Amino acid sequence: SDCMLYTDINNPTYNSIQANWIGIFNINELNNFCLFIQNYFSDKSSLE
């Protein structure tokens, strides 16, 4: 919400952008990322 966008984000050149403040996410990798978060915070060795 504190980012401002000055380009057409649908330009295929930018499909690979992925950061936590701006990024292109497809549903499959987003689902995997949520599972990744859940798994890391559920296991002590993963937290280490």
ModelCIF file with pLDDT and N, C-alpha, C, O atoms, coordinates in Angstrom:
data_MODEL
#
_entry.id   MODEL 
#
_entity.id                         1 
_entity.type                       polymer 
_entity.pdbx_number_of_molecules   1 
#
_entity_poly.entity_id                      1 
_entity_poly.type                           'polypeptide(L)' 
_entity_poly.nstd_linkage                   no 
_entity_poly.nstd_monomer                   no 
_entity_poly.pdbx_seq_one_letter_code       SDCMLYTDINNPTYNSIQANWIGIFNINELNNFCLFIQNYFSDKSSLE 
_entity_poly.pdbx_seq_one_letter_code_can   SDCMLYTDINNPTYNSIQANWIGIFNINELNNFCLFIQNYFSDKSSLE 
_entity_poly.pdbx_strand_id                 A 
#
loop_
_entity_poly_seq.entity_id 
_entity_poly_seq.num 
_entity_poly_seq.mon_id 
_entity_poly_seq.hetero 
1 1  SER n 
1 2  ASP n 
1 3  CYS n 
1 4  MET n 
1 5  LEU n 
1 6  TYR n 
1 7  THR n 
1 8  ASP n 
1 9  ILE n 
1 10 ASN n 
1 11 ASN n 
1 12 PRO n 
1 13 THR n 
1 14 TYR n 
1 15 ASN n 
1 16 SER n 
1 17 ILE n 
1 18 GLN n 
1 19 ALA n 
1 20 ASN n 
1 21 TRP n 
1 22 ILE n 
1 23 GLY n 
1 24 ILE n 
1 25 PHE n 
1 26 ASN n 
1 27 ILE n 
1 28 ASN n 
1 29 GLU n 
1 30 LEU n 
1 31 ASN n 
1 32 ASN n 
1 33 PHE n 
1 34 CYS n 
1 35 LEU n 
1 36 PHE n 
1 37 ILE n 
1 38 GLN n 
1 39 ASN n 
1 40 TYR n 
1 41 PHE n 
1 42 SER n 
1 43 ASP n 
1 44 LYS n 
1 45 SER n 
1 46 SER n 
1 47 LEU n 
1 48 GLU n 
#
_struct_asym.id          A 
_struct_asym.entity_id   1 
#
loop_
_ma_qa_metric.id 
_ma_qa_metric.mode 
_ma_qa_metric.name 
_ma_qa_metric.software_group_id 
_ma_qa_metric.type 
1 global pLDDT . pLDDT 
2 local  pLDDT . pLDDT 
#
_ma_qa_metric_global.metric_id      1 
_ma_qa_metric_global.metric_value   92.17 
_ma_qa_metric_global.model_id       1 
_ma_qa_metric_global.ordinal_id     1 
#
loop_
_ma_qa_metric_local.label_asym_id 
_ma_qa_metric_local.label_comp_id 
_ma_qa_metric_local.label_seq_id 
_ma_qa_metric_local.metric_id 
_ma_qa_metric_local.metric_value 
_ma_qa_metric_local.model_id 
_ma_qa_metric_local.ordinal_id 
A SER 1  2 97.00 1 1  
A ASP 2  2 96.00 1 2  
A CYS 3  2 96.00 1 3  
A MET 4  2 97.00 1 4  
A LEU 5  2 97.00 1 5  
A TYR 6  2 97.00 1 6  
A THR 7  2 96.00 1 7  
A ASP 8  2 96.00 1 8  
A ILE 9  2 95.00 1 9  
A ASN 10 2 95.00 1 10 
A ASN 11 2 92.00 1 11 
A PRO 12 2 90.00 1 12 
A THR 13 2 87.00 1 13 
A TYR 14 2 88.00 1 14 
A ASN 15 2 85.00 1 15 
A SER 16 2 82.00 1 16 
A ILE 17 2 85.00 1 17 
A GLN 18 2 83.00 1 18 
A ALA 19 2 83.00 1 19 
A ASN 20 2 84.00 1 20 
A TRP 21 2 89.00 1 21 
A ILE 22 2 92.00 1 22 
A GLY 23 2 91.00 1 23 
A ILE 24 2 93.00 1 24 
A PHE 25 2 93.00 1 25 
A ASN 26 2 94.00 1 26 
A ILE 27 2 97.00 1 27 
A ASN 28 2 95.00 1 28 
A GLU 29 2 91.00 1 29 
A LEU 30 2 95.00 1 30 
A ASN 31 2 96.00 1 31 
A ASN 32 2 94.00 1 32 
A PHE 33 2 94.00 1 33 
A CYS 34 2 97.00 1 34 
A LEU 35 2 96.00 1 35 
A PHE 36 2 94.00 1 36 
A ILE 37 2 95.00 1 37 
A GLN 38 2 95.00 1 38 
A ASN 39 2 93.00 1 39 
A TYR 40 2 92.00 1 40 
A PHE 41 2 93.00 1 41 
A SER 42 2 93.00 1 42 
A ASP 43 2 90.00 1 43 
A LYS 44 2 90.00 1 44 
A SER 45 2 92.00 1 45 
A SER 46 2 91.00 1 46 
A LEU 47 2 89.00 1 47 
A GLU 48 2 89.00 1 48 
#
loop_
_atom_site.group_PDB 
_atom_site.id 
_atom_site.type_symbol 
_atom_site.label_atom_id 
_atom_site.label_alt_id 
_atom_site.label_comp_id 
_atom_site.label_asym_id 
_atom_site.label_entity_id 
_atom_site.label_seq_id 
_atom_site.pdbx_PDB_ins_code 
_atom_site.Cartn_x 
_atom_site.Cartn_y 
_atom_site.Cartn_z 
_atom_site.occupancy 
_atom_site.B_iso_or_equiv 
_atom_site.pdbx_formal_charge 
_atom_site.auth_seq_id 
_atom_site.auth_comp_id 
_atom_site.auth_asym_id 
_atom_site.auth_atom_id 
_atom_site.pdbx_PDB_model_num 
ATOM 1   N N  . SER A 1 1  ? 0.812  -1.221  0.000   1.00 97.00 ? 1  SER A N  1 
ATOM 2   C CA . SER A 1 1  ? 0.000  0.000   0.000   1.00 97.00 ? 1  SER A CA 1 
ATOM 3   C C  . SER A 1 1  ? 0.841  1.265   0.000   1.00 97.00 ? 1  SER A C  1 
ATOM 4   O O  . SER A 1 1  ? 0.303  2.352   -0.213  1.00 97.00 ? 1  SER A O  1 
ATOM 5   N N  . ASP A 1 2  ? 2.154  1.156   0.234   1.00 96.00 ? 2  ASP A N  1 
ATOM 6   C CA . ASP A 1 2  ? 3.019  2.340   0.155   1.00 96.00 ? 2  ASP A CA 1 
ATOM 7   C C  . ASP A 1 2  ? 3.896  2.320   -1.099  1.00 96.00 ? 2  ASP A C  1 
ATOM 8   O O  . ASP A 1 2  ? 4.933  2.981   -1.151  1.00 96.00 ? 2  ASP A O  1 
ATOM 9   N N  . CYS A 1 3  ? 3.474  1.566   -2.095  1.00 96.00 ? 3  CYS A N  1 
ATOM 10  C CA . CYS A 1 3  ? 4.134  1.545   -3.405  1.00 96.00 ? 3  CYS A CA 1 
ATOM 11  C C  . CYS A 1 3  ? 3.280  2.289   -4.422  1.00 96.00 ? 3  CYS A C  1 
ATOM 12  O O  . CYS A 1 3  ? 2.052  2.284   -4.348  1.00 96.00 ? 3  CYS A O  1 
ATOM 13  N N  . MET A 1 4  ? 3.951  2.922   -5.366  1.00 97.00 ? 4  MET A N  1 
ATOM 14  C CA . MET A 1 4  ? 3.244  3.579   -6.462  1.00 97.00 ? 4  MET A CA 1 
ATOM 15  C C  . MET A 1 4  ? 3.787  3.039   -7.774  1.00 97.00 ? 4  MET A C  1 
ATOM 16  O O  . MET A 1 4  ? 4.998  2.920   -7.961  1.00 97.00 ? 4  MET A O  1 
ATOM 17  N N  . LEU A 1 5  ? 2.873  2.716   -8.679  1.00 97.00 ? 5  LEU A N  1 
ATOM 18  C CA . LEU A 1 5  ? 3.190  2.008   -9.917  1.00 97.00 ? 5  LEU A CA 1 
ATOM 19  C C  . LEU A 1 5  ? 3.058  2.956   -11.103 1.00 97.00 ? 5  LEU A C  1 
ATOM 20  O O  . LEU A 1 5  ? 2.051  3.651   -11.245 1.00 97.00 ? 5  LEU A O  1 
ATOM 21  N N  . TYR A 1 6  ? 4.090  2.979   -11.958 1.00 97.00 ? 6  TYR A N  1 
ATOM 22  C CA . TYR A 1 6  ? 4.125  3.929   -13.070 1.00 97.00 ? 6  TYR A CA 1 
ATOM 23  C C  . TYR A 1 6  ? 4.275  3.243   -14.426 1.00 97.00 ? 6  TYR A C  1 
ATOM 24  O O  . TYR A 1 6  ? 4.672  3.880   -15.401 1.00 97.00 ? 6  TYR A O  1 
ATOM 25  N N  . THR A 1 7  ? 3.961  1.952   -14.494 1.00 96.00 ? 7  THR A N  1 
ATOM 26  C CA . THR A 1 7  ? 4.099  1.230   -15.751 1.00 96.00 ? 7  THR A CA 1 
ATOM 27  C C  . THR A 1 7  ? 2.974  0.222   -15.897 1.00 96.00 ? 7  THR A C  1 
ATOM 28  O O  . THR A 1 7  ? 2.295  -0.116  -14.927 1.00 96.00 ? 7  THR A O  1 
ATOM 29  N N  . ASP A 1 8  ? 2.784  -0.256  -17.125 1.00 96.00 ? 8  ASP A N  1 
ATOM 30  C CA . ASP A 1 8  ? 1.811  -1.311  -17.386 1.00 96.00 ? 8  ASP A CA 1 
ATOM 31  C C  . ASP A 1 8  ? 2.404  -2.627  -16.902 1.00 96.00 ? 8  ASP A C  1 
ATOM 32  O O  . ASP A 1 8  ? 3.328  -3.163  -17.514 1.00 96.00 ? 8  ASP A O  1 
ATOM 33  N N  . ILE A 1 9  ? 1.877  -3.134  -15.819 1.00 95.00 ? 9  ILE A N  1 
ATOM 34  C CA . ILE A 1 9  ? 2.437  -4.326  -15.195 1.00 95.00 ? 9  ILE A CA 1 
ATOM 35  C C  . ILE A 1 9  ? 2.129  -5.573  -16.006 1.00 95.00 ? 9  ILE A C  1 
ATOM 36  O O  . ILE A 1 9  ? 2.688  -6.634  -15.729 1.00 95.00 ? 9  ILE A O  1 
ATOM 37  N N  . ASN A 1 10 ? 1.251  -5.474  -17.005 1.00 95.00 ? 10 ASN A N  1 
ATOM 38  C CA . ASN A 1 10 ? 0.939  -6.620  -17.855 1.00 95.00 ? 10 ASN A CA 1 
ATOM 39  C C  . ASN A 1 10 ? 1.983  -6.852  -18.941 1.00 95.00 ? 10 ASN A C  1 
ATOM 40  O O  . ASN A 1 10 ? 1.884  -7.823  -19.691 1.00 95.00 ? 10 ASN A O  1 
ATOM 41  N N  . ASN A 1 11 ? 2.977  -5.981  -19.036 1.00 92.00 ? 11 ASN A N  1 
ATOM 42  C CA . ASN A 1 11 ? 4.072  -6.186  -19.969 1.00 92.00 ? 11 ASN A CA 1 
ATOM 43  C C  . ASN A 1 11 ? 4.760  -7.513  -19.639 1.00 92.00 ? 11 ASN A C  1 
ATOM 44  O O  . ASN A 1 11 ? 5.240  -7.682  -18.519 1.00 92.00 ? 11 ASN A O  1 
ATOM 45  N N  . PRO A 1 12 ? 4.820  -8.459  -20.583 1.00 90.00 ? 12 PRO A N  1 
ATOM 46  C CA . PRO A 1 12 ? 5.412  -9.777  -20.291 1.00 90.00 ? 12 PRO A CA 1 
ATOM 47  C C  . PRO A 1 12 ? 6.846  -9.711  -19.776 1.00 90.00 ? 12 PRO A C  1 
ATOM 48  O O  . PRO A 1 12 ? 7.309  -10.644 -19.119 1.00 90.00 ? 12 PRO A O  1 
ATOM 49  N N  . THR A 1 13 ? 7.549  -8.627  -20.063 1.00 87.00 ? 13 THR A N  1 
ATOM 50  C CA . THR A 1 13 ? 8.927  -8.471  -19.578 1.00 87.00 ? 13 THR A CA 1 
ATOM 51  C C  . THR A 1 13 ? 8.996  -8.562  -18.063 1.00 87.00 ? 13 THR A C  1 
ATOM 52  O O  . THR A 1 13 ? 10.013 -8.979  -17.509 1.00 87.00 ? 13 THR A O  1 
ATOM 53  N N  . TYR A 1 14 ? 7.903  -8.166  -17.381 1.00 88.00 ? 14 TYR A N  1 
ATOM 54  C CA . TYR A 1 14 ? 7.921  -8.062  -15.933 1.00 88.00 ? 14 TYR A CA 1 
ATOM 55  C C  . TYR A 1 14 ? 7.311  -9.269  -15.222 1.00 88.00 ? 14 TYR A C  1 
ATOM 56  O O  . TYR A 1 14 ? 7.091  -9.226  -14.012 1.00 88.00 ? 14 TYR A O  1 
ATOM 57  N N  . ASN A 1 15 ? 7.040  -10.332 -15.954 1.00 85.00 ? 15 ASN A N  1 
ATOM 58  C CA . ASN A 1 15 ? 6.379  -11.496 -15.354 1.00 85.00 ? 15 ASN A CA 1 
ATOM 59  C C  . ASN A 1 15 ? 7.194  -12.151 -14.252 1.00 85.00 ? 15 ASN A C  1 
ATOM 60  O O  . ASN A 1 15 ? 6.641  -12.857 -13.409 1.00 85.00 ? 15 ASN A O  1 
ATOM 61  N N  . SER A 1 16 ? 8.493  -11.929 -14.250 1.00 82.00 ? 16 SER A N  1 
ATOM 62  C CA . SER A 1 16 ? 9.347  -12.605 -13.277 1.00 82.00 ? 16 SER A CA 1 
ATOM 63  C C  . SER A 1 16 ? 9.568  -11.808 -11.995 1.00 82.00 ? 16 SER A C  1 
ATOM 64  O O  . SER A 1 16 ? 10.247 -12.285 -11.087 1.00 82.00 ? 16 SER A O  1 
ATOM 65  N N  . ILE A 1 17 ? 9.010  -10.607 -11.907 1.00 85.00 ? 17 ILE A N  1 
ATOM 66  C CA . ILE A 1 17 ? 9.187  -9.791  -10.699 1.00 85.00 ? 17 ILE A CA 1 
ATOM 67  C C  . ILE A 1 17 ? 8.517  -10.481 -9.517  1.00 85.00 ? 17 ILE A C  1 
ATOM 68  O O  . ILE A 1 17 ? 7.365  -10.906 -9.606  1.00 85.00 ? 17 ILE A O  1 
ATOM 69  N N  . GLN A 1 18 ? 9.248  -10.588 -8.410  1.00 83.00 ? 18 GLN A N  1 
ATOM 70  C CA . GLN A 1 18 ? 8.637  -11.193 -7.225  1.00 83.00 ? 18 GLN A CA 1 
ATOM 71  C C  . GLN A 1 18 ? 9.365  -10.726 -5.973  1.00 83.00 ? 18 GLN A C  1 
ATOM 72  O O  . GLN A 1 18 ? 10.462 -11.194 -5.667  1.00 83.00 ? 18 GLN A O  1 
ATOM 73  N N  . ALA A 1 19 ? 8.747  -9.807  -5.263  1.00 83.00 ? 19 ALA A N  1 
ATOM 74  C CA . ALA A 1 19 ? 9.243  -9.348  -3.967  1.00 83.00 ? 19 ALA A CA 1 
ATOM 75  C C  . ALA A 1 19 ? 8.040  -9.186  -3.054  1.00 83.00 ? 19 ALA A C  1 
ATOM 76  O O  . ALA A 1 19 ? 6.898  -9.287  -3.501  1.00 83.00 ? 19 ALA A O  1 
ATOM 77  N N  . ASN A 1 20 ? 8.294  -8.936  -1.778  1.00 84.00 ? 20 ASN A N  1 
ATOM 78  C CA . ASN A 1 20 ? 7.149  -8.852  -0.873  1.00 84.00 ? 20 ASN A CA 1 
ATOM 79  C C  . ASN A 1 20 ? 6.466  -7.486  -0.924  1.00 84.00 ? 20 ASN A C  1 
ATOM 80  O O  . ASN A 1 20 ? 5.416  -7.315  -0.305  1.00 84.00 ? 20 ASN A O  1 
ATOM 81  N N  . TRP A 1 21 ? 7.024  -6.515  -1.636  1.00 89.00 ? 21 TRP A N  1 
ATOM 82  C CA . TRP A 1 21 ? 6.359  -5.223  -1.787  1.00 89.00 ? 21 TRP A CA 1 
ATOM 83  C C  . TRP A 1 21 ? 5.738  -5.050  -3.177  1.00 89.00 ? 21 TRP A C  1 
ATOM 84  O O  . TRP A 1 21 ? 4.826  -4.240  -3.342  1.00 89.00 ? 21 TRP A O  1 
ATOM 85  N N  . ILE A 1 22 ? 6.211  -5.791  -4.169  1.00 92.00 ? 22 ILE A N  1 
ATOM 86  C CA . ILE A 1 22 ? 5.605  -5.816  -5.494  1.00 92.00 ? 22 ILE A CA 1 
ATOM 87  C C  . ILE A 1 22 ? 5.979  -7.131  -6.153  1.00 92.00 ? 22 ILE A C  1 
ATOM 88  O O  . ILE A 1 22 ? 7.126  -7.568  -6.070  1.00 92.00 ? 22 ILE A O  1 
ATOM 89  N N  . GLY A 1 23 ? 5.018  -7.757  -6.802  1.00 91.00 ? 23 GLY A N  1 
ATOM 90  C CA . GLY A 1 23 ? 5.347  -9.020  -7.440  1.00 91.00 ? 23 GLY A CA 1 
ATOM 91  C C  . GLY A 1 23 ? 4.198  -9.574  -8.263  1.00 91.00 ? 23 GLY A C  1 
ATOM 92  O O  . GLY A 1 23 ? 3.029  -9.255  -8.044  1.00 91.00 ? 23 GLY A O  1 
ATOM 93  N N  . ILE A 1 24 ? 4.575  -10.414 -9.216  1.00 93.00 ? 24 ILE A N  1 
ATOM 94  C CA . ILE A 1 24 ? 3.595  -11.141 -10.017 1.00 93.00 ? 24 ILE A CA 1 
ATOM 95  C C  . ILE A 1 24 ? 3.507  -12.549 -9.437  1.00 93.00 ? 24 ILE A C  1 
ATOM 96  O O  . ILE A 1 24 ? 4.506  -13.267 -9.396  1.00 93.00 ? 24 ILE A O  1 
ATOM 97  N N  . PHE A 1 25 ? 2.327  -12.944 -8.993  1.00 93.00 ? 25 PHE A N  1 
ATOM 98  C CA . PHE A 1 25 ? 2.143  -14.243 -8.360  1.00 93.00 ? 25 PHE A CA 1 
ATOM 99  C C  . PHE A 1 25 ? 1.036  -15.018 -9.067  1.00 93.00 ? 25 PHE A C  1 
ATOM 100 O O  . PHE A 1 25 ? -0.066 -14.507 -9.269  1.00 93.00 ? 25 PHE A O  1 
ATOM 101 N N  . ASN A 1 26 ? 1.347  -16.267 -9.442  1.00 94.00 ? 26 ASN A N  1 
ATOM 102 C CA . ASN A 1 26 ? 0.264  -17.116 -9.915  1.00 94.00 ? 26 ASN A CA 1 
ATOM 103 C C  . ASN A 1 26 ? -0.252 -17.937 -8.745  1.00 94.00 ? 26 ASN A C  1 
ATOM 104 O O  . ASN A 1 26 ? 0.424  -18.077 -7.726  1.00 94.00 ? 26 ASN A O  1 
ATOM 105 N N  . ILE A 1 27 ? -1.433 -18.470 -8.897  1.00 97.00 ? 27 ILE A N  1 
ATOM 106 C CA . ILE A 1 27 ? -2.112 -19.098 -7.770  1.00 97.00 ? 27 ILE A CA 1 
ATOM 107 C C  . ILE A 1 27 ? -1.371 -20.327 -7.268  1.00 97.00 ? 27 ILE A C  1 
ATOM 108 O O  . ILE A 1 27 ? -1.393 -20.612 -6.071  1.00 97.00 ? 27 ILE A O  1 
ATOM 109 N N  . ASN A 1 28 ? -0.711 -21.062 -8.166  1.00 95.00 ? 28 ASN A N  1 
ATOM 110 C CA . ASN A 1 28 ? -0.019 -22.279 -7.739  1.00 95.00 ? 28 ASN A CA 1 
ATOM 111 C C  . ASN A 1 28 ? 1.189  -21.950 -6.864  1.00 95.00 ? 28 ASN A C  1 
ATOM 112 O O  . ASN A 1 28 ? 1.369  -22.557 -5.809  1.00 95.00 ? 28 ASN A O  1 
ATOM 113 N N  . GLU A 1 29 ? 2.025  -20.986 -7.298  1.00 91.00 ? 29 GLU A N  1 
ATOM 114 C CA . GLU A 1 29 ? 3.191  -20.661 -6.485  1.00 91.00 ? 29 GLU A CA 1 
ATOM 115 C C  . GLU A 1 29 ? 2.787  -19.936 -5.210  1.00 91.00 ? 29 GLU A C  1 
ATOM 116 O O  . GLU A 1 29 ? 3.472  -20.049 -4.193  1.00 91.00 ? 29 GLU A O  1 
ATOM 117 N N  . LEU A 1 30 ? 1.688  -19.194 -5.249  1.00 95.00 ? 30 LEU A N  1 
ATOM 118 C CA . LEU A 1 30 ? 1.218  -18.536 -4.030  1.00 95.00 ? 30 LEU A CA 1 
ATOM 119 C C  . LEU A 1 30 ? 0.724  -19.565 -3.019  1.00 95.00 ? 30 LEU A C  1 
ATOM 120 O O  . LEU A 1 30 ? 0.957  -19.432 -1.818  1.00 95.00 ? 30 LEU A O  1 
ATOM 121 N N  . ASN A 1 31 ? 0.040  -20.590 -3.519  1.00 96.00 ? 31 ASN A N  1 
ATOM 122 C CA . ASN A 1 31 ? -0.394 -21.663 -2.636  1.00 96.00 ? 31 ASN A CA 1 
ATOM 123 C C  . ASN A 1 31 ? 0.809  -22.378 -2.033  1.00 96.00 ? 31 ASN A C  1 
ATOM 124 O O  . ASN A 1 31 ? 0.809  -22.716 -0.849  1.00 96.00 ? 31 ASN A O  1 
ATOM 125 N N  . ASN A 1 32 ? 1.836  -22.606 -2.855  1.00 94.00 ? 32 ASN A N  1 
ATOM 126 C CA . ASN A 1 32 ? 3.054  -23.242 -2.353  1.00 94.00 ? 32 ASN A CA 1 
ATOM 127 C C  . ASN A 1 32 ? 3.758  -22.363 -1.327  1.00 94.00 ? 32 ASN A C  1 
ATOM 128 O O  . ASN A 1 32 ? 4.305  -22.865 -0.345  1.00 94.00 ? 32 ASN A O  1 
ATOM 129 N N  . PHE A 1 33 ? 3.745  -21.052 -1.555  1.00 94.00 ? 33 PHE A N  1 
ATOM 130 C CA . PHE A 1 33 ? 4.386  -20.143 -0.607  1.00 94.00 ? 33 PHE A CA 1 
ATOM 131 C C  . PHE A 1 33 ? 3.656  -20.151 0.735   1.00 94.00 ? 33 PHE A C  1 
ATOM 132 O O  . PHE A 1 33 ? 4.295  -20.123 1.787   1.00 94.00 ? 33 PHE A O  1 
ATOM 133 N N  . CYS A 1 34 ? 2.340  -20.187 0.707   1.00 97.00 ? 34 CYS A N  1 
ATOM 134 C CA . CYS A 1 34 ? 1.571  -20.249 1.959   1.00 97.00 ? 34 CYS A CA 1 
ATOM 135 C C  . CYS A 1 34 ? 1.876  -21.538 2.718   1.00 97.00 ? 34 CYS A C  1 
ATOM 136 O O  . CYS A 1 34 ? 2.018  -21.519 3.941   1.00 97.00 ? 34 CYS A O  1 
ATOM 137 N N  . LEU A 1 35 ? 1.976  -22.653 2.001   1.00 96.00 ? 35 LEU A N  1 
ATOM 138 C CA . LEU A 1 35 ? 2.347  -23.919 2.645   1.00 96.00 ? 35 LEU A CA 1 
ATOM 139 C C  . LEU A 1 35 ? 3.763  -23.838 3.204   1.00 96.00 ? 35 LEU A C  1 
ATOM 140 O O  . LEU A 1 35 ? 4.050  -24.373 4.275   1.00 96.00 ? 35 LEU A O  1 
ATOM 141 N N  . PHE A 1 36 ? 4.635  -23.171 2.477   1.00 94.00 ? 36 PHE A N  1 
ATOM 142 C CA . PHE A 1 36 ? 6.016  -22.962 2.891   1.00 94.00 ? 36 PHE A CA 1 
ATOM 143 C C  . PHE A 1 36 ? 6.068  -22.187 4.209   1.00 94.00 ? 36 PHE A C  1 
ATOM 144 O O  . PHE A 1 36 ? 6.796  -22.564 5.128   1.00 94.00 ? 36 PHE A O  1 
ATOM 145 N N  . ILE A 1 37 ? 5.294  -21.103 4.296   1.00 95.00 ? 37 ILE A N  1 
ATOM 146 C CA . ILE A 1 37 ? 5.222  -20.311 5.529   1.00 95.00 ? 37 ILE A CA 1 
ATOM 147 C C  . ILE A 1 37 ? 4.710  -21.171 6.686   1.00 95.00 ? 37 ILE A C  1 
ATOM 148 O O  . ILE A 1 37 ? 5.306  -21.205 7.763   1.00 95.00 ? 37 ILE A O  1 
ATOM 149 N N  . GLN A 1 38 ? 3.594  -21.864 6.443   1.00 95.00 ? 38 GLN A N  1 
ATOM 150 C CA . GLN A 1 38 ? 2.977  -22.690 7.475   1.00 95.00 ? 38 GLN A CA 1 
ATOM 151 C C  . GLN A 1 38 ? 3.949  -23.749 7.977   1.00 95.00 ? 38 GLN A C  1 
ATOM 152 O O  . GLN A 1 38 ? 4.058  -23.972 9.183   1.00 95.00 ? 38 GLN A O  1 
ATOM 153 N N  . ASN A 1 39 ? 4.650  -24.397 7.062   1.00 93.00 ? 39 ASN A N  1 
ATOM 154 C CA . ASN A 1 39 ? 5.566  -25.473 7.449   1.00 93.00 ? 39 ASN A CA 1 
ATOM 155 C C  . ASN A 1 39 ? 6.755  -24.948 8.245   1.00 93.00 ? 39 ASN A C  1 
ATOM 156 O O  . ASN A 1 39 ? 7.177  -25.580 9.213   1.00 93.00 ? 39 ASN A O  1 
ATOM 157 N N  . TYR A 1 40 ? 7.297  -23.801 7.848   1.00 92.00 ? 40 TYR A N  1 
ATOM 158 C CA . TYR A 1 40 ? 8.464  -23.270 8.545   1.00 92.00 ? 40 TYR A CA 1 
ATOM 159 C C  . TYR A 1 40 ? 8.130  -22.845 9.972   1.00 92.00 ? 40 TYR A C  1 
ATOM 160 O O  . TYR A 1 40 ? 8.953  -23.004 10.873  1.00 92.00 ? 40 TYR A O  1 
ATOM 161 N N  . PHE A 1 41 ? 6.950  -22.315 10.182  1.00 93.00 ? 41 PHE A N  1 
ATOM 162 C CA . PHE A 1 41 ? 6.595  -21.871 11.523  1.00 93.00 ? 41 PHE A CA 1 
ATOM 163 C C  . PHE A 1 41 ? 6.019  -23.001 12.383  1.00 93.00 ? 41 PHE A C  1 
ATOM 164 O O  . PHE A 1 41 ? 5.727  -22.800 13.562  1.00 93.00 ? 41 PHE A O  1 
ATOM 165 N N  . SER A 1 42 ? 5.860  -24.171 11.800  1.00 93.00 ? 42 SER A N  1 
ATOM 166 C CA . SER A 1 42 ? 5.313  -25.309 12.544  1.00 93.00 ? 42 SER A CA 1 
ATOM 167 C C  . SER A 1 42 ? 6.385  -26.240 13.068  1.00 93.00 ? 42 SER A C  1 
ATOM 168 O O  . SER A 1 42 ? 6.091  -27.163 13.827  1.00 93.00 ? 42 SER A O  1 
ATOM 169 N N  . ASP A 1 43 ? 7.639  -26.007 12.668  1.00 90.00 ? 43 ASP A N  1 
ATOM 170 C CA . ASP A 1 43 ? 8.701  -26.953 12.982  1.00 90.00 ? 43 ASP A CA 1 
ATOM 171 C C  . ASP A 1 43 ? 9.911  -26.223 13.549  1.00 90.00 ? 43 ASP A C  1 
ATOM 172 O O  . ASP A 1 43 ? 10.403 -25.268 12.949  1.00 90.00 ? 43 ASP A O  1 
ATOM 173 N N  . LYS A 1 44 ? 10.389 -26.673 14.702  1.00 90.00 ? 44 LYS A N  1 
ATOM 174 C CA . LYS A 1 44 ? 11.484 -25.992 15.388  1.00 90.00 ? 44 LYS A CA 1 
ATOM 175 C C  . LYS A 1 44 ? 12.765 -26.003 14.574  1.00 90.00 ? 44 LYS A C  1 
ATOM 176 O O  . LYS A 1 44 ? 13.445 -24.979 14.495  1.00 90.00 ? 44 LYS A O  1 
ATOM 177 N N  . SER A 1 45 ? 13.113 -27.119 13.971  1.00 92.00 ? 45 SER A N  1 
ATOM 178 C CA . SER A 1 45 ? 14.349 -27.184 13.187  1.00 92.00 ? 45 SER A CA 1 
ATOM 179 C C  . SER A 1 45 ? 14.266 -26.290 11.959  1.00 92.00 ? 45 SER A C  1 
ATOM 180 O O  . SER A 1 45 ? 15.271 -25.713 11.544  1.00 92.00 ? 45 SER A O  1 
ATOM 181 N N  . SER A 1 46 ? 13.072 -26.168 11.371  1.00 91.00 ? 46 SER A N  1 
ATOM 182 C CA . SER A 1 46 ? 12.893 -25.271 10.224  1.00 91.00 ? 46 SER A CA 1 
ATOM 183 C C  . SER A 1 46 ? 13.069 -23.817 10.652  1.00 91.00 ? 46 SER A C  1 
ATOM 184 O O  . SER A 1 46 ? 13.638 -23.012 9.915   1.00 91.00 ? 46 SER A O  1 
ATOM 185 N N  . LEU A 1 47 ? 12.578 -23.484 11.850  1.00 89.00 ? 47 LEU A N  1 
ATOM 186 C CA . LEU A 1 47 ? 12.771 -22.126 12.361  1.00 89.00 ? 47 LEU A CA 1 
ATOM 187 C C  . LEU A 1 47 ? 14.246 -21.826 12.584  1.00 89.00 ? 47 LEU A C  1 
ATOM 188 O O  . LEU A 1 47 ? 14.702 -20.711 12.330  1.00 89.00 ? 47 LEU A O  1 
ATOM 189 N N  . GLU A 1 48 ? 14.981 -22.807 13.052  1.00 89.00 ? 48 GLU A N  1 
ATOM 190 C CA . GLU A 1 48 ? 16.422 -22.621 13.229  1.00 89.00 ? 48 GLU A CA 1 
ATOM 191 C C  . GLU A 1 48 ? 17.100 -22.373 11.877  1.00 89.00 ? 48 GLU A C  1 
ATOM 192 O O  . GLU A 1 48 ? 18.316 -22.193 11.820  1.00 89.00 ? 48 GLU A O  1 
#
